C-alpha atoms as a PDB file:
ATOM      1  CA  MET A   1      55.293 154.854 117.918  1.00  0.00           C
ATOM      2  CA  SER A   2      52.702 152.120 118.376  1.00  0.00           C
ATOM      3  CA  ASN A   3      50.125 151.041 115.841  1.00  0.00           C
ATOM      4  CA  GLN A   4      48.191 148.882 118.313  1.00  0.00           C
ATOM      5  CA  CYS A   5      45.413 149.744 120.736  1.00  0.00           C
ATOM      6  CA  LEU A   6      44.287 147.650 123.714  1.00  0.00           C
ATOM      7  CA  VAL A   7      40.559 146.839 123.719  1.00  0.00           C
ATOM      8  CA  LEU A   8      38.721 146.338 127.018  1.00  0.00           C
ATOM      9  CA  ASN A   9      35.205 144.916 127.197  1.00  0.00           C
ATOM     10  CA  LYS A  10      32.541 146.958 128.994  1.00  0.00           C
ATOM     11  CA  SER A  11      33.636 145.322 132.281  1.00  0.00           C
ATOM     12  CA  TRP A  12      37.152 146.666 131.627  1.00  0.00           C
ATOM     13  CA  ILE A  13      38.674 143.213 131.002  1.00  0.00           C
ATOM     14  CA  PRO A  14      41.309 143.118 128.220  1.00  0.00           C
ATOM     15  CA  VAL A  15      40.029 141.151 125.228  1.00  0.00           C
ATOM     16  CA  GLU A  16      42.235 141.951 122.230  1.00  0.00           C
ATOM     17  CA  THR A  17      44.437 144.436 120.463  1.00  0.00           C
ATOM     18  CA  VAL A  18      43.490 146.232 117.266  1.00  0.00           C
ATOM     19  CA  THR A  19      45.171 148.785 115.046  1.00  0.00           C
ATOM     20  CA  TRP A  20      44.690 152.402 116.021  1.00  0.00           C
ATOM     21  CA  GLN A  21      42.644 152.815 112.818  1.00  0.00           C
ATOM     22  CA  GLU A  22      40.199 150.088 113.929  1.00  0.00           C
ATOM     23  CA  ALA A  23      40.031 151.669 117.387  1.00  0.00           C
ATOM     24  CA  PHE A  24      39.313 155.036 115.812  1.00  0.00           C
ATOM     25  CA  LYS A  25      36.405 153.547 113.807  1.00  0.00           C
ATOM     26  CA  LYS A  26      34.922 152.001 116.969  1.00  0.00           C
ATOM     27  CA  ILE A  27      35.138 155.353 118.761  1.00  0.00           C
ATOM     28  CA  PHE A  28      33.525 157.315 115.923  1.00  0.00           C
ATOM     29  CA  ASN A  29      30.774 154.710 115.509  1.00  0.00           C
ATOM     30  CA  GLY A  30      29.931 154.945 119.211  1.00  0.00           C
ATOM     31  CA  LEU A  31      31.039 151.363 119.902  1.00  0.00           C
ATOM     32  CA  ALA A  32      33.865 152.392 122.242  1.00  0.00           C
ATOM     33  CA  TYR A  33      35.471 155.307 124.029  1.00  0.00           C
ATOM     34  CA  ALA A  34      39.144 156.008 124.707  1.00  0.00           C
ATOM     35  CA  VAL A  35      40.539 155.989 128.244  1.00  0.00           C
ATOM     36  CA  GLU A  36      44.260 156.269 127.438  1.00  0.00           C
ATOM     37  CA  TYR A  37      46.147 157.968 124.640  1.00  0.00           C
ATOM     38  CA  TYR A  38      49.718 157.752 123.377  1.00  0.00           C
ATOM     39  CA  ASP A  39      51.602 160.864 124.459  1.00  0.00           C
ATOM     40  CA  ASP A  40      52.571 163.161 121.613  1.00  0.00           C
ATOM     41  CA  GLU A  41      51.091 160.923 118.914  1.00  0.00           C
ATOM     42  CA  ILE A  42      48.641 162.950 116.897  1.00  0.00           C
ATOM     43  CA  ILE A  43      46.366 161.808 114.094  1.00  0.00           C
ATOM     44  CA  ARG A  44      45.761 164.569 111.587  1.00  0.00           C
ATOM     45  CA  THR A  45      42.737 164.725 109.310  1.00  0.00           C
ATOM     46  CA  PRO A  46      41.991 167.516 106.833  1.00  0.00           C
ATOM     47  CA  ASN A  47      39.794 169.237 109.437  1.00  0.00           C
ATOM     48  CA  ASP A  48      41.046 168.120 112.858  1.00  0.00           C
ATOM     49  CA  GLU A  49      43.758 166.660 115.044  1.00  0.00           C
ATOM     50  CA  TYR A  50      43.202 163.780 117.476  1.00  0.00           C
ATOM     51  CA  LEU A  51      45.358 162.005 120.011  1.00  0.00           C
ATOM     52  CA  LYS A  52      46.078 158.394 119.045  1.00  0.00           C
ATOM     53  CA  PRO A  53      44.063 156.030 121.295  1.00  0.00           C
ATOM     54  CA  ALA A  54      46.117 153.557 123.357  1.00  0.00           C
ATOM     55  CA  VAL A  55      43.263 151.907 125.302  1.00  0.00           C
ATOM     56  CA  ILE A  56      39.563 151.822 124.436  1.00  0.00           C
ATOM     57  CA  VAL A  57      36.552 150.444 126.306  1.00  0.00           C
ATOM     58  CA  CYS A  58      33.687 148.862 124.364  1.00  0.00           C
ATOM     59  CA  THR A  59      30.254 150.289 125.149  1.00  0.00           C
ATOM     60  CA  GLU A  60      28.322 147.071 124.428  1.00  0.00           C
ATOM     61  CA  TYR A  61      30.621 144.057 124.061  1.00  0.00           C
ATOM     62  CA  ASN A  62      31.176 142.094 127.266  1.00  0.00           C
ATOM     63  CA  GLY A  63      32.844 138.948 125.925  1.00  0.00           C
ATOM     64  CA  ARG A  64      36.002 137.556 127.430  1.00  0.00           C
ATOM     65  CA  PRO A  65      39.103 136.107 125.847  1.00  0.00           C
ATOM     66  CA  ASN A  66      38.896 132.331 125.696  1.00  0.00           C
ATOM     67  CA  ARG A  67      42.256 131.470 124.270  1.00  0.00           C
ATOM     68  CA  MET A  68      43.952 128.614 126.050  1.00  0.00           C
ATOM     69  CA  PRO A  69      47.705 128.739 126.445  1.00  0.00           C
ATOM     70  CA  VAL A  70      49.930 127.574 123.618  1.00  0.00           C
ATOM     71  CA  TYR A  71      52.503 124.961 124.650  1.00  0.00           C
ATOM     72  CA  SER A  72      55.872 126.386 125.620  1.00  0.00           C
ATOM     73  CA  LYS A  73      58.738 125.235 127.805  1.00  0.00           C
ATOM     74  CA  ARG A  74      58.419 128.398 129.873  1.00  0.00           C
ATOM     75  CA  LEU A  75      54.746 127.681 130.651  1.00  0.00           C
ATOM     76  CA  VAL A  76      55.648 124.116 131.660  1.00  0.00           C
ATOM     77  CA  CYS A  77      58.138 125.519 134.185  1.00  0.00           C
ATOM     78  CA  GLN A  78      55.665 128.145 135.399  1.00  0.00           C
ATOM     79  CA  ARG A  79      53.045 125.428 135.873  1.00  0.00           C
ATOM     80  CA  ASP A  80      55.595 123.344 137.812  1.00  0.00           C
ATOM     81  CA  GLU A  81      56.627 126.424 139.817  1.00  0.00           C
ATOM     82  CA  TRP A  82      60.228 126.234 138.543  1.00  0.00           C
ATOM     83  CA  THR A  83      60.800 123.008 140.490  1.00  0.00           C
ATOM     84  CA  CYS A  84      62.189 119.679 139.270  1.00  0.00           C
ATOM     85  CA  MET A  85      59.248 117.284 139.265  1.00  0.00           C
ATOM     86  CA  TYR A  86      61.560 114.363 140.092  1.00  0.00           C
ATOM     87  CA  CYS A  87      63.727 115.562 142.990  1.00  0.00           C
ATOM     88  CA  GLY A  88      62.008 118.803 144.046  1.00  0.00           C
ATOM     89  CA  THR A  89      65.074 120.986 143.464  1.00  0.00           C
ATOM     90  CA  PRO A  90      64.324 124.593 142.472  1.00  0.00           C
ATOM     91  CA  VAL A  91      65.519 125.404 138.944  1.00  0.00           C
ATOM     92  CA  THR A  92      66.181 128.677 137.145  1.00  0.00           C
ATOM     93  CA  GLU A  93      66.184 129.880 133.549  1.00  0.00           C
ATOM     94  CA  GLY A  94      69.736 128.582 133.115  1.00  0.00           C
ATOM     95  CA  THR A  95      69.457 125.308 135.030  1.00  0.00           C
ATOM     96  CA  TYR A  96      66.169 123.774 133.924  1.00  0.00           C
ATOM     97  CA  SER A  97      65.365 121.281 131.225  1.00  0.00           C
ATOM     98  CA  ILE A  98      62.122 119.814 129.964  1.00  0.00           C
ATOM     99  CA  ASP A  99      61.608 116.074 130.344  1.00  0.00           C
ATOM    100  CA  HIS A 100      59.185 114.035 128.276  1.00  0.00           C
ATOM    101  CA  VAL A 101      57.426 111.577 130.616  1.00  0.00           C
ATOM    102  CA  ILE A 102      56.903 109.269 127.640  1.00  0.00           C
ATOM    103  CA  PRO A 103      60.203 109.839 125.826  1.00  0.00           C
ATOM    104  CA  ARG A 104      60.136 111.287 122.335  1.00  0.00           C
ATOM    105  CA  ALA A 105      62.138 108.254 121.211  1.00  0.00           C
ATOM    106  CA  LYS A 106      59.113 106.149 122.200  1.00  0.00           C
ATOM    107  CA  GLY A 107      56.494 108.350 120.548  1.00  0.00           C
ATOM    108  CA  GLY A 108      55.978 110.900 123.330  1.00  0.00           C
ATOM    109  CA  ARG A 109      54.980 114.366 122.214  1.00  0.00           C
ATOM    110  CA  SER A 110      55.773 117.863 123.426  1.00  0.00           C
ATOM    111  CA  THR A 111      52.477 118.607 125.164  1.00  0.00           C
ATOM    112  CA  PHE A 112      51.502 119.893 128.602  1.00  0.00           C
ATOM    113  CA  ASP A 113      50.290 116.377 129.474  1.00  0.00           C
ATOM    114  CA  ASN A 114      53.631 114.733 128.642  1.00  0.00           C
ATOM    115  CA  THR A 115      56.289 117.215 129.775  1.00  0.00           C
ATOM    116  CA  VAL A 116      57.591 118.338 133.140  1.00  0.00           C
ATOM    117  CA  CYS A 117      60.176 120.753 134.426  1.00  0.00           C
ATOM    118  CA  ALA A 118      63.326 118.886 135.469  1.00  0.00           C
ATOM    119  CA  CYS A 119      66.808 119.665 136.670  1.00  0.00           C
ATOM    120  CA  LYS A 120      69.495 118.630 134.208  1.00  0.00           C
ATOM    121  CA  PRO A 121      70.873 115.774 136.378  1.00  0.00           C
ATOM    122  CA  CYS A 122      67.408 114.168 136.728  1.00  0.00           C
ATOM    123  CA  ASN A 123      66.667 114.590 133.035  1.00  0.00           C
ATOM    124  CA  SER A 124      70.000 112.957 132.151  1.00  0.00           C
ATOM    125  CA  ARG A 125      69.401 110.119 134.616  1.00  0.00           C
ATOM    126  CA  LYS A 126      65.952 109.366 133.163  1.00  0.00           C
ATOM    127  CA  ALA A 127      67.200 109.796 129.589  1.00  0.00           C
ATOM    128  CA  ASP A 128      64.886 108.001 127.140  1.00  0.00           C
ATOM    129  CA  LYS A 129      63.542 105.499 129.681  1.00  0.00           C
ATOM    130  CA  SER A 130      60.006 105.186 131.003  1.00  0.00           C
ATOM    131  CA  LEU A 131      59.301 106.132 134.614  1.00  0.00           C
ATOM    132  CA  ARG A 132      59.251 102.441 135.562  1.00  0.00           C
ATOM    133  CA  GLN A 133      62.535 101.684 133.773  1.00  0.00           C
ATOM    134  CA  SER A 134      64.258 104.681 135.343  1.00  0.00           C
ATOM    135  CA  LYS A 135      62.782 103.924 138.800  1.00  0.00           C
ATOM    136  CA  MET A 136      61.909 107.615 139.112  1.00  0.00           C
ATOM    137  CA  LYS A 137      58.661 109.102 140.389  1.00  0.00           C
ATOM    138  CA  LEU A 138      56.928 112.356 139.566  1.00  0.00           C
ATOM    139  CA  HIS A 139      55.978 114.717 142.397  1.00  0.00           C
ATOM    140  CA  CYS A 140      52.910 115.829 140.405  1.00  0.00           C
ATOM    141  CA  ASN A 141      51.229 114.570 137.267  1.00  0.00           C
ATOM    142  CA  PRO A 142      51.604 116.885 134.286  1.00  0.00           C
ATOM    143  CA  GLY A 143      48.601 118.610 132.762  1.00  0.00           C
ATOM    144  CA  LYS A 144      47.411 121.828 131.182  1.00  0.00           C
ATOM    145  CA  PRO A 145      48.414 124.858 133.242  1.00  0.00           C
ATOM    146  CA  LYS A 146      45.636 126.476 135.210  1.00  0.00           C
ATOM    147  CA  ILE A 147      46.063 129.802 133.548  1.00  0.00           C
ATOM    148  CA  ASN A 148      43.767 132.719 133.186  1.00  0.00           C
ATOM    149  CA  PRO A 149      42.793 133.297 129.504  1.00  0.00           C
ATOM    150  CA  VAL A 150      43.720 136.996 129.815  1.00  0.00           C
ATOM    151  CA  SER A 151      47.168 135.928 130.945  1.00  0.00           C
ATOM    152  CA  ALA A 152      47.422 133.419 128.097  1.00  0.00           C
ATOM    153  CA  LYS A 153      46.493 136.029 125.536  1.00  0.00           C
ATOM    154  CA  PHE A 154      48.672 138.878 126.780  1.00  0.00           C
ATOM    155  CA  SER A 155      51.697 137.061 128.232  1.00  0.00           C
ATOM    156  CA  ARG A 156      53.276 136.608 124.786  1.00  0.00           C
ATOM    157  CA  ILE A 157      53.110 140.215 123.586  1.00  0.00           C
ATOM    158  CA  ARG A 158      54.998 143.320 124.605  1.00  0.00           C
ATOM    159  CA  LEU A 159      52.739 145.511 126.715  1.00  0.00           C
ATOM    160  CA  GLU A 160      52.766 149.179 125.900  1.00  0.00           C
ATOM    161  CA  GLN A 161      53.342 151.385 128.952  1.00  0.00           C
ATOM    162  CA  GLU A 162      49.804 152.767 128.597  1.00  0.00           C
ATOM    163  CA  TRP A 163      48.299 149.241 128.798  1.00  0.00           C
ATOM    164  CA  VAL A 164      50.082 147.887 131.865  1.00  0.00           C
ATOM    165  CA  GLN A 165      47.613 149.035 134.536  1.00  0.00           C
ATOM    166  CA  TYR A 166      44.690 147.540 132.587  1.00  0.00           C
ATOM    167  CA  VAL A 167      46.313 144.166 131.885  1.00  0.00           C
ATOM    168  CA  GLU A 168      48.389 143.432 134.999  1.00  0.00           C
ATOM    169  CA  CYS A 169      45.416 143.344 137.373  1.00  0.00           C
ATOM    170  CA  HIS A 170      43.962 140.464 135.292  1.00  0.00           C
ATOM    171  CA  LEU A 171      47.121 138.331 135.072  1.00  0.00           C
END
């Protein structure tokens, strides 16, 4: 039983999630209409019964999500295409590590601009040395991932089955 409803702007782009109660208010105030409902989830009022909305489309709002991605090791590896940025070896969930270009021991921070995906042998070899000291070179310079804001917003939440077709085409 879900308490959340996916909100699409009038261009059918996912923008946020709201409680089913908030979605219901938008529908009854003419600000949105429902396009998907949760199966067998009924809202009962003293006078009526309604299906619980799973996805609504706004009738006026056409804004877009603008949230940039929050730093995570997984996004660093996705940005680097699951490849060691030192030797070019493909890595997997179990074989990758994150290397700080400017080591944390020397004031480096865990940011997209200072971390890269690395295989464990390369990360161990570089240790807490600078690139020059370690005589290692990066294949690509680190930076913020080029990620779609819809993807950034919805990649960290569990998608309800009823939402998938509306979100996946924008990831």
